[in-house]
Amino acid sequence: MSSNKRAPEGELPTGTPTSASLVVCSTCRFSSAAREDAIGRTGGVVWRDQLEQTLSSHSLGTRLVIEAMPCLFACREHCTLFLRSPGRLGYLLGRFAPSVEAANALLDFASAYLDTEDGYVRYAHWPEGIKGHFIARVPPEGRLWPVGDATVTSSIS
């Protein structure tokens, strides 16, 4: 069921949404050890600000919208967010340090995500800075991949 088609460089498959959103948990902890930074901002607020600043000079430009909401219910993690786009897999990620490097890795992953028809990005295309940060992969409404579909279940090949 997963077509796993990649668009030619600079193009999107026909019918594929051209944008996505990152929903950042605004109440997330700053780190596993601290709720807030030295000046009292939650990790979610610092992370959102860093992502917005990094996006302003990233090639994604207006293809990605950064949003915030309180509590994504991933409270065992810190600096958590949800990457989503209609008809594509969604990804819940966390355990980031709210840094420029982490923001760039995440935005590079979002770019690869937007270059797919279904949101499935092969492990070989993951930026190093997001490996180990995945919490959950969420199927889009009305679409499931069949059990045993090697294109989805062997994501680290």
C-alpha atoms as a PDB file:
ATOM      1  CA  MET A   1       0.000   0.000   0.000  1.00  0.00           C
ATOM      2  CA  SER A   2       2.927   2.307   0.603  1.00  0.00           C
ATOM      3  CA  SER A   3       4.036   3.604  -2.763  1.00  0.00           C
ATOM      4  CA  ASN A   4       7.207   5.062  -1.253  1.00  0.00           C
ATOM      5  CA  LYS A   5       7.687   7.177  -4.384  1.00  0.00           C
ATOM      6  CA  ARG A   6      10.100  10.069  -4.208  1.00  0.00           C
ATOM      7  CA  ALA A   7       9.512  13.156  -6.241  1.00  0.00           C
ATOM      8  CA  PRO A   8      12.118  14.357  -8.733  1.00  0.00           C
ATOM      9  CA  GLU A   9      14.424  16.959  -7.179  1.00  0.00           C
ATOM     10  CA  GLY A  10      12.418  20.091  -6.442  1.00  0.00           C
ATOM     11  CA  GLU A  11       9.025  18.532  -7.269  1.00  0.00           C
ATOM     12  CA  LEU A  12       6.292  16.868  -5.243  1.00  0.00           C
ATOM     13  CA  PRO A  13       4.189  13.907  -6.396  1.00  0.00           C
ATOM     14  CA  THR A  14       0.816  14.893  -7.832  1.00  0.00           C
ATOM     15  CA  GLY A  15      -1.810  15.307  -5.121  1.00  0.00           C
ATOM     16  CA  THR A  16       0.727  15.446  -2.300  1.00  0.00           C
ATOM     17  CA  PRO A  17       0.254  18.241   0.246  1.00  0.00           C
ATOM     18  CA  THR A  18       2.994  20.803  -0.139  1.00  0.00           C
ATOM     19  CA  SER A  19       3.306  21.693   3.531  1.00  0.00           C
ATOM     20  CA  ALA A  20       3.516  20.189   6.987  1.00  0.00           C
ATOM     21  CA  SER A  21       3.406  21.379  10.544  1.00  0.00           C
ATOM     22  CA  LEU A  22       5.536  20.815  13.595  1.00  0.00           C
ATOM     23  CA  VAL A  23       3.424  20.937  16.740  1.00  0.00           C
ATOM     24  CA  VAL A  24       5.788  21.676  19.627  1.00  0.00           C
ATOM     25  CA  CYS A  25       4.809  20.827  23.199  1.00  0.00           C
ATOM     26  CA  SER A  26       4.997  24.231  24.893  1.00  0.00           C
ATOM     27  CA  THR A  27       5.031  22.768  28.409  1.00  0.00           C
ATOM     28  CA  CYS A  28       7.807  20.197  27.864  1.00  0.00           C
ATOM     29  CA  ARG A  29      10.795  20.006  30.146  1.00  0.00           C
ATOM     30  CA  PHE A  30      14.039  21.698  29.126  1.00  0.00           C
ATOM     31  CA  SER A  31      16.024  18.497  29.709  1.00  0.00           C
ATOM     32  CA  SER A  32      15.631  15.204  31.544  1.00  0.00           C
ATOM     33  CA  ALA A  33      16.961  16.962  34.656  1.00  0.00           C
ATOM     34  CA  ALA A  34      15.364  20.429  34.449  1.00  0.00           C
ATOM     35  CA  ARG A  35      11.895  21.784  33.674  1.00  0.00           C
ATOM     36  CA  GLU A  36      13.116  25.282  32.757  1.00  0.00           C
ATOM     37  CA  ASP A  37      16.246  26.996  31.501  1.00  0.00           C
ATOM     38  CA  ALA A  38      18.277  29.474  33.580  1.00  0.00           C
ATOM     39  CA  ILE A  39      15.794  32.303  32.908  1.00  0.00           C
ATOM     40  CA  GLY A  40      12.629  30.317  33.632  1.00  0.00           C
ATOM     41  CA  ARG A  41      11.462  29.261  30.141  1.00  0.00           C
ATOM     42  CA  THR A  42      10.138  25.728  29.637  1.00  0.00           C
ATOM     43  CA  GLY A  43      12.017  23.498  27.242  1.00  0.00           C
ATOM     44  CA  GLY A  44       9.052  23.613  24.875  1.00  0.00           C
ATOM     45  CA  VAL A  45       9.170  27.398  24.652  1.00  0.00           C
ATOM     46  CA  VAL A  46      12.945  27.412  24.085  1.00  0.00           C
ATOM     47  CA  TRP A  47      12.631  24.607  21.492  1.00  0.00           C
ATOM     48  CA  ARG A  48       9.840  26.373  19.593  1.00  0.00           C
ATOM     49  CA  ASP A  49      11.823  29.626  19.517  1.00  0.00           C
ATOM     50  CA  GLN A  50      14.937  27.800  18.265  1.00  0.00           C
ATOM     51  CA  LEU A  51      12.963  25.993  15.553  1.00  0.00           C
ATOM     52  CA  GLU A  52      11.345  29.236  14.365  1.00  0.00           C
ATOM     53  CA  GLN A  53      14.696  31.032  14.259  1.00  0.00           C
ATOM     54  CA  THR A  54      16.364  28.167  12.376  1.00  0.00           C
ATOM     55  CA  LEU A  55      13.429  27.816   9.960  1.00  0.00           C
ATOM     56  CA  SER A  56      13.773  31.487   8.967  1.00  0.00           C
ATOM     57  CA  SER A  57      17.004  30.641   7.114  1.00  0.00           C
ATOM     58  CA  HIS A  58      16.254  27.013   6.159  1.00  0.00           C
ATOM     59  CA  SER A  59      15.342  25.882   2.628  1.00  0.00           C
ATOM     60  CA  LEU A  60      11.911  24.694   3.842  1.00  0.00           C
ATOM     61  CA  GLY A  61      10.757  28.294   4.074  1.00  0.00           C
ATOM     62  CA  THR A  62       6.966  28.465   4.106  1.00  0.00           C
ATOM     63  CA  ARG A  63       6.490  24.720   3.499  1.00  0.00           C
ATOM     64  CA  LEU A  64       6.615  24.136   7.254  1.00  0.00           C
ATOM     65  CA  VAL A  65       4.500  25.800   9.926  1.00  0.00           C
ATOM     66  CA  ILE A  66       5.612  25.694  13.548  1.00  0.00           C
ATOM     67  CA  GLU A  67       2.752  25.533  16.029  1.00  0.00           C
ATOM     68  CA  ALA A  68       2.603  25.009  19.781  1.00  0.00           C
ATOM     69  CA  MET A  69       0.173  23.439  22.205  1.00  0.00           C
ATOM     70  CA  PRO A  70       0.418  22.567  25.865  1.00  0.00           C
ATOM     71  CA  CYS A  71       1.245  18.932  26.644  1.00  0.00           C
ATOM     72  CA  LEU A  72       1.512  16.267  23.965  1.00  0.00           C
ATOM     73  CA  PHE A  73       1.308  13.626  26.754  1.00  0.00           C
ATOM     74  CA  ALA A  74       4.893  12.489  26.198  1.00  0.00           C
ATOM     75  CA  CYS A  75       5.912  13.656  29.652  1.00  0.00           C
ATOM     76  CA  ARG A  76       8.649  11.054  30.156  1.00  0.00           C
ATOM     77  CA  GLU A  77      10.546  12.855  27.397  1.00  0.00           C
ATOM     78  CA  HIS A  78      11.648  16.468  26.935  1.00  0.00           C
ATOM     79  CA  CYS A  79      11.514  18.903  23.985  1.00  0.00           C
ATOM     80  CA  THR A  80       8.829  16.874  22.237  1.00  0.00           C
ATOM     81  CA  LEU A  81       7.002  17.643  18.990  1.00  0.00           C
ATOM     82  CA  PHE A  82       4.713  16.085  16.410  1.00  0.00           C
ATOM     83  CA  LEU A  83       5.451  16.300  12.661  1.00  0.00           C
ATOM     84  CA  ARG A  84       2.255  16.007  10.596  1.00  0.00           C
ATOM     85  CA  SER A  85       0.813  16.524   7.132  1.00  0.00           C
ATOM     86  CA  PRO A  86      -2.535  15.383   5.669  1.00  0.00           C
ATOM     87  CA  GLY A  87      -2.367  11.863   4.232  1.00  0.00           C
ATOM     88  CA  ARG A  88       1.162  11.207   5.515  1.00  0.00           C
ATOM     89  CA  LEU A  89       2.535   9.293   8.473  1.00  0.00           C
ATOM     90  CA  GLY A  90       3.006  11.510  11.502  1.00  0.00           C
ATOM     91  CA  TYR A  91       6.007  11.319  13.817  1.00  0.00           C
ATOM     92  CA  LEU A  92       6.230  12.049  17.535  1.00  0.00           C
ATOM     93  CA  LEU A  93       9.813  12.918  18.428  1.00  0.00           C
ATOM     94  CA  GLY A  94      11.518  14.049  21.615  1.00  0.00           C
ATOM     95  CA  ARG A  95      14.624  14.099  23.811  1.00  0.00           C
ATOM     96  CA  PHE A  96      16.155  17.000  21.888  1.00  0.00           C
ATOM     97  CA  ALA A  97      18.507  19.623  23.226  1.00  0.00           C
ATOM     98  CA  PRO A  98      16.922  22.853  21.920  1.00  0.00           C
ATOM     99  CA  SER A  99      19.985  23.743  19.829  1.00  0.00           C
ATOM    100  CA  VAL A 100      20.680  25.023  16.321  1.00  0.00           C
ATOM    101  CA  GLU A 101      22.183  21.640  15.387  1.00  0.00           C
ATOM    102  CA  ALA A 102      19.107  19.711  16.566  1.00  0.00           C
ATOM    103  CA  ALA A 103      16.786  22.179  14.832  1.00  0.00           C
ATOM    104  CA  ASN A 104      18.671  21.849  11.542  1.00  0.00           C
ATOM    105  CA  ALA A 105      18.586  18.032  11.741  1.00  0.00           C
ATOM    106  CA  LEU A 106      14.845  18.105  12.420  1.00  0.00           C
ATOM    107  CA  LEU A 107      14.164  20.571   9.602  1.00  0.00           C
ATOM    108  CA  ASP A 108      16.277  18.473   7.218  1.00  0.00           C
ATOM    109  CA  PHE A 109      14.155  15.445   8.181  1.00  0.00           C
ATOM    110  CA  ALA A 110      10.978  17.489   7.626  1.00  0.00           C
ATOM    111  CA  SER A 111      12.266  18.384   4.159  1.00  0.00           C
ATOM    112  CA  ALA A 112      12.833  14.700   3.315  1.00  0.00           C
ATOM    113  CA  TYR A 113       9.377  13.956   4.779  1.00  0.00           C
ATOM    114  CA  LEU A 114       7.765  16.521   2.477  1.00  0.00           C
ATOM    115  CA  ASP A 115       9.542  14.984  -0.508  1.00  0.00           C
ATOM    116  CA  THR A 116       7.609  11.741   0.034  1.00  0.00           C
ATOM    117  CA  GLU A 117       4.067  10.922  -0.941  1.00  0.00           C
ATOM    118  CA  ASP A 118       3.222   9.078   2.285  1.00  0.00           C
ATOM    119  CA  GLY A 119       5.606  10.517   4.889  1.00  0.00           C
ATOM    120  CA  TYR A 120       7.716   7.380   5.061  1.00  0.00           C
ATOM    121  CA  VAL A 121      11.385   8.403   5.096  1.00  0.00           C
ATOM    122  CA  ARG A 122      13.875   5.546   4.841  1.00  0.00           C
ATOM    123  CA  TYR A 123      16.415   5.287   7.640  1.00  0.00           C
ATOM    124  CA  ALA A 124      19.239   5.918   5.162  1.00  0.00           C
ATOM    125  CA  HIS A 125      17.773   9.418   4.615  1.00  0.00           C
ATOM    126  CA  TRP A 126      17.501  10.334   8.307  1.00  0.00           C
ATOM    127  CA  PRO A 127      19.885  13.077   9.404  1.00  0.00           C
ATOM    128  CA  GLU A 128      22.215  11.828  12.139  1.00  0.00           C
ATOM    129  CA  GLY A 129      20.807  14.370  14.606  1.00  0.00           C
ATOM    130  CA  ILE A 130      17.340  12.813  14.728  1.00  0.00           C
ATOM    131  CA  LYS A 131      18.334   9.177  15.148  1.00  0.00           C
ATOM    132  CA  GLY A 132      17.255   8.003  18.594  1.00  0.00           C
ATOM    133  CA  HIS A 133      14.620  10.735  18.941  1.00  0.00           C
ATOM    134  CA  PHE A 134      11.587   8.903  17.552  1.00  0.00           C
ATOM    135  CA  ILE A 135       8.864   8.072  20.072  1.00  0.00           C
ATOM    136  CA  ALA A 136       5.992   7.008  17.786  1.00  0.00           C
ATOM    137  CA  ARG A 137       4.947   6.789  14.153  1.00  0.00           C
ATOM    138  CA  VAL A 138       1.241   7.609  13.665  1.00  0.00           C
ATOM    139  CA  PRO A 139      -0.679   6.453  10.578  1.00  0.00           C
ATOM    140  CA  PRO A 140      -2.889   8.999   8.826  1.00  0.00           C
ATOM    141  CA  GLU A 141      -6.656   8.649   9.125  1.00  0.00           C
ATOM    142  CA  GLY A 142      -8.005   5.970   6.795  1.00  0.00           C
ATOM    143  CA  ARG A 143      -4.664   4.441   5.871  1.00  0.00           C
ATOM    144  CA  LEU A 144      -2.756   1.519   7.341  1.00  0.00           C
ATOM    145  CA  TRP A 145       0.186  -0.373   5.939  1.00  0.00           C
ATOM    146  CA  PRO A 146      -0.366  -4.136   5.762  1.00  0.00           C
ATOM    147  CA  VAL A 147       1.373  -6.379   8.274  1.00  0.00           C
ATOM    148  CA  GLY A 148       4.603  -7.602   6.753  1.00  0.00           C
ATOM    149  CA  ASP A 149       4.972  -4.696   4.300  1.00  0.00           C
ATOM    150  CA  ALA A 150       8.752  -4.717   3.990  1.00  0.00           C
ATOM    151  CA  THR A 151       8.891  -1.063   2.890  1.00  0.00           C
ATOM    152  CA  VAL A 152       7.552   0.017   6.279  1.00  0.00           C
ATOM    153  CA  THR A 153       8.672  -2.672   8.717  1.00  0.00           C
ATOM    154  CA  SER A 154      12.313  -2.706   7.650  1.00  0.00           C
ATOM    155  CA  SER A 155      12.894   1.005   8.111  1.00  0.00           C
ATOM    156  CA  ILE A 156      16.452   0.535   9.315  1.00  0.00           C
ATOM    157  CA  SER A 157      17.655  -1.361   6.273  1.00  0.00           C
END
